[in-house]
Amino acid sequence: MRVKLSAGMAVAALLLAGCSASNHLTAGGQGVRFVEQQPGSECTLLGNASGEQSNWFSGPQGEEGGSMRGAANALRNQAAAMGGNVLYGVSSPTQNMLSSFVPTASKMVGQVWKCPQ
């Protein structure tokens, strides 16, 4: 009986740890920056990207400033994977009154651009 209980607790702990892990920036993602002004004609629009971080187990605040940071990291990582280095027009469609009380997933979307360094 004790072995079953211990094994069950170990599996539950691993599942919780896996679900609450935040998105970490990759080396490429570190080279992607957010801008407020639309990039100029020297830049190329590559498309749209999105990043998401679950809040279900970590709550709306989560680690390191909340899951919005995890969503931003995921967005930067995806932009880098697309070959971009600039994100413009980034918004958070999931941030609303409900997300202040219920641990919903945080999501960020934006345009990916490739600009000269």
C-alpha atoms as a PDB file:
ATOM      1  CA  MET A   1       0.000   0.000   0.000  1.00  0.00           C
ATOM      2  CA  ARG A   2       2.800   2.408   0.888  1.00  0.00           C
ATOM      3  CA  VAL A   3       4.620   1.698  -2.380  1.00  0.00           C
ATOM      4  CA  LYS A   4       1.481   2.495  -4.432  1.00  0.00           C
ATOM      5  CA  LEU A   5       0.918   5.730  -2.538  1.00  0.00           C
ATOM      6  CA  SER A   6       4.551   6.833  -2.965  1.00  0.00           C
ATOM      7  CA  ALA A   7       4.540   5.978  -6.669  1.00  0.00           C
ATOM      8  CA  GLY A   8       1.295   7.885  -7.152  1.00  0.00           C
ATOM      9  CA  MET A   9       2.666  10.939  -5.378  1.00  0.00           C
ATOM     10  CA  ALA A  10       5.836  10.864  -7.480  1.00  0.00           C
ATOM     11  CA  VAL A  11       3.843  10.716 -10.729  1.00  0.00           C
ATOM     12  CA  ALA A  12       1.602  13.582  -9.580  1.00  0.00           C
ATOM     13  CA  ALA A  13       4.635  15.711  -8.656  1.00  0.00           C
ATOM     14  CA  LEU A  14       6.216  15.130 -12.072  1.00  0.00           C
ATOM     15  CA  LEU A  15       2.994  16.058 -13.859  1.00  0.00           C
ATOM     16  CA  LEU A  16       2.620  19.249 -11.856  1.00  0.00           C
ATOM     17  CA  ALA A  17       6.224  20.228 -12.435  1.00  0.00           C
ATOM     18  CA  GLY A  18       5.876  19.669 -16.178  1.00  0.00           C
ATOM     19  CA  CYS A  19       2.691  21.713 -16.428  1.00  0.00           C
ATOM     20  CA  SER A  20       3.992  24.673 -14.472  1.00  0.00           C
ATOM     21  CA  ALA A  21       7.292  25.068 -16.327  1.00  0.00           C
ATOM     22  CA  SER A  22       7.675  28.469 -17.948  1.00  0.00           C
ATOM     23  CA  ASN A  23       8.954  29.153 -21.435  1.00  0.00           C
ATOM     24  CA  HIS A  24      12.645  29.986 -21.423  1.00  0.00           C
ATOM     25  CA  LEU A  25      14.324  32.178 -24.020  1.00  0.00           C
ATOM     26  CA  THR A  26      16.443  30.386 -26.576  1.00  0.00           C
ATOM     27  CA  ALA A  27      19.690  31.903 -27.853  1.00  0.00           C
ATOM     28  CA  GLY A  28      17.822  33.053 -30.974  1.00  0.00           C
ATOM     29  CA  GLY A  29      14.935  34.456 -28.956  1.00  0.00           C
ATOM     30  CA  GLN A  30      17.345  36.667 -27.022  1.00  0.00           C
ATOM     31  CA  GLY A  31      18.117  38.493 -30.285  1.00  0.00           C
ATOM     32  CA  VAL A  32      14.466  39.450 -30.912  1.00  0.00           C
ATOM     33  CA  ARG A  33      13.327  42.879 -29.713  1.00  0.00           C
ATOM     34  CA  PHE A  34       9.934  44.526 -29.298  1.00  0.00           C
ATOM     35  CA  VAL A  35       9.322  47.872 -31.045  1.00  0.00           C
ATOM     36  CA  GLU A  36       6.469  50.362 -30.781  1.00  0.00           C
ATOM     37  CA  GLN A  37       6.901  52.009 -34.200  1.00  0.00           C
ATOM     38  CA  GLN A  38       6.246  50.036 -37.372  1.00  0.00           C
ATOM     39  CA  PRO A  39       9.524  48.964 -38.960  1.00  0.00           C
ATOM     40  CA  GLY A  40      10.615  50.903 -42.063  1.00  0.00           C
ATOM     41  CA  SER A  41      11.008  49.886 -45.685  1.00  0.00           C
ATOM     42  CA  GLU A  42      14.465  48.432 -44.980  1.00  0.00           C
ATOM     43  CA  CYS A  43      12.712  45.644 -43.045  1.00  0.00           C
ATOM     44  CA  THR A  44      10.732  42.662 -44.327  1.00  0.00           C
ATOM     45  CA  LEU A  45       7.474  41.422 -42.793  1.00  0.00           C
ATOM     46  CA  LEU A  46       7.757  37.653 -42.284  1.00  0.00           C
ATOM     47  CA  GLY A  47       4.284  36.997 -40.850  1.00  0.00           C
ATOM     48  CA  ASN A  48       2.461  36.715 -37.547  1.00  0.00           C
ATOM     49  CA  ALA A  49       3.461  34.735 -34.481  1.00  0.00           C
ATOM     50  CA  SER A  50       1.983  33.890 -31.109  1.00  0.00           C
ATOM     51  CA  GLY A  51       3.316  32.775 -27.758  1.00  0.00           C
ATOM     52  CA  GLU A  52       1.434  31.163 -24.898  1.00  0.00           C
ATOM     53  CA  GLN A  53       2.091  30.270 -21.268  1.00  0.00           C
ATOM     54  CA  SER A  54      -0.273  28.203 -19.152  1.00  0.00           C
ATOM     55  CA  ASN A  55      -1.290  29.568 -15.758  1.00  0.00           C
ATOM     56  CA  TRP A  56      -3.312  26.610 -14.576  1.00  0.00           C
ATOM     57  CA  PHE A  57      -0.866  25.373 -11.944  1.00  0.00           C
ATOM     58  CA  SER A  58       1.252  28.491 -11.400  1.00  0.00           C
ATOM     59  CA  GLY A  59      -1.648  30.937 -11.044  1.00  0.00           C
ATOM     60  CA  PRO A  60      -1.902  34.309 -12.772  1.00  0.00           C
ATOM     61  CA  GLN A  61       1.322  35.615 -11.238  1.00  0.00           C
ATOM     62  CA  GLY A  62       3.513  32.537 -11.762  1.00  0.00           C
ATOM     63  CA  GLU A  63       7.295  32.797 -11.670  1.00  0.00           C
ATOM     64  CA  GLU A  64       9.444  35.789 -12.627  1.00  0.00           C
ATOM     65  CA  GLY A  65       6.700  38.377 -13.039  1.00  0.00           C
ATOM     66  CA  GLY A  66       3.912  36.143 -14.241  1.00  0.00           C
ATOM     67  CA  SER A  67       3.043  34.084 -17.202  1.00  0.00           C
ATOM     68  CA  MET A  68       3.036  37.095 -19.522  1.00  0.00           C
ATOM     69  CA  ARG A  69       6.822  36.838 -19.396  1.00  0.00           C
ATOM     70  CA  GLY A  70       6.564  33.184 -20.417  1.00  0.00           C
ATOM     71  CA  ALA A  71       4.210  34.125 -23.266  1.00  0.00           C
ATOM     72  CA  ALA A  72       6.625  36.880 -24.368  1.00  0.00           C
ATOM     73  CA  ASN A  73       9.527  34.404 -24.295  1.00  0.00           C
ATOM     74  CA  ALA A  74       7.546  31.918 -26.395  1.00  0.00           C
ATOM     75  CA  LEU A  75       6.685  34.719 -28.852  1.00  0.00           C
ATOM     76  CA  ARG A  76      10.329  35.802 -29.137  1.00  0.00           C
ATOM     77  CA  ASN A  77      11.439  32.186 -29.624  1.00  0.00           C
ATOM     78  CA  GLN A  78       8.888  31.689 -32.416  1.00  0.00           C
ATOM     79  CA  ALA A  79       9.912  34.951 -34.102  1.00  0.00           C
ATOM     80  CA  ALA A  80      13.546  33.815 -34.066  1.00  0.00           C
ATOM     81  CA  ALA A  81      12.563  30.424 -35.519  1.00  0.00           C
ATOM     82  CA  MET A  82      10.847  32.303 -38.376  1.00  0.00           C
ATOM     83  CA  GLY A  83      14.076  34.226 -39.045  1.00  0.00           C
ATOM     84  CA  GLY A  84      12.908  37.502 -37.533  1.00  0.00           C
ATOM     85  CA  ASN A  85      14.580  39.863 -35.104  1.00  0.00           C
ATOM     86  CA  VAL A  86      11.817  42.428 -34.461  1.00  0.00           C
ATOM     87  CA  LEU A  87       8.273  42.103 -33.070  1.00  0.00           C
ATOM     88  CA  TYR A  88       5.761  44.863 -33.794  1.00  0.00           C
ATOM     89  CA  GLY A  89       2.111  45.361 -32.874  1.00  0.00           C
ATOM     90  CA  VAL A  90       2.259  42.919 -29.987  1.00  0.00           C
ATOM     91  CA  SER A  91      -0.973  42.498 -28.055  1.00  0.00           C
ATOM     92  CA  SER A  92      -2.358  40.232 -25.361  1.00  0.00           C
ATOM     93  CA  PRO A  93      -5.849  39.113 -26.404  1.00  0.00           C
ATOM     94  CA  THR A  94      -6.227  36.879 -23.335  1.00  0.00           C
ATOM     95  CA  GLN A  95      -5.752  39.604 -20.722  1.00  0.00           C
ATOM     96  CA  ASN A  96      -9.177  40.585 -19.438  1.00  0.00           C
ATOM     97  CA  MET A  97     -11.104  40.948 -16.189  1.00  0.00           C
ATOM     98  CA  LEU A  98     -11.602  37.177 -15.871  1.00  0.00           C
ATOM     99  CA  SER A  99      -7.855  36.464 -16.128  1.00  0.00           C
ATOM    100  CA  SER A 100      -7.319  38.485 -12.937  1.00  0.00           C
ATOM    101  CA  PHE A 101      -9.310  35.897 -10.967  1.00  0.00           C
ATOM    102  CA  VAL A 102      -9.011  32.639 -12.917  1.00  0.00           C
ATOM    103  CA  PRO A 103      -5.659  31.124 -13.935  1.00  0.00           C
ATOM    104  CA  THR A 104      -6.227  31.165 -17.707  1.00  0.00           C
ATOM    105  CA  ALA A 105      -3.396  30.827 -20.208  1.00  0.00           C
ATOM    106  CA  SER A 106      -1.615  34.029 -21.215  1.00  0.00           C
ATOM    107  CA  LYS A 107      -1.143  34.642 -24.917  1.00  0.00           C
ATOM    108  CA  MET A 108       0.693  37.288 -26.935  1.00  0.00           C
ATOM    109  CA  VAL A 109       0.497  37.856 -30.689  1.00  0.00           C
ATOM    110  CA  GLY A 110       2.456  40.139 -33.011  1.00  0.00           C
ATOM    111  CA  GLN A 111       4.038  40.720 -36.388  1.00  0.00           C
ATOM    112  CA  VAL A 112       7.499  39.278 -37.061  1.00  0.00           C
ATOM    113  CA  TRP A 113       9.920  41.418 -39.028  1.00  0.00           C
ATOM    114  CA  LYS A 114      13.492  40.914 -40.260  1.00  0.00           C
ATOM    115  CA  CYS A 115      15.477  44.138 -40.031  1.00  0.00           C
ATOM    116  CA  PRO A 116      19.148  44.917 -40.658  1.00  0.00           C
ATOM    117  CA  GLN A 117      21.188  44.993 -37.472  1.00  0.00           C
END
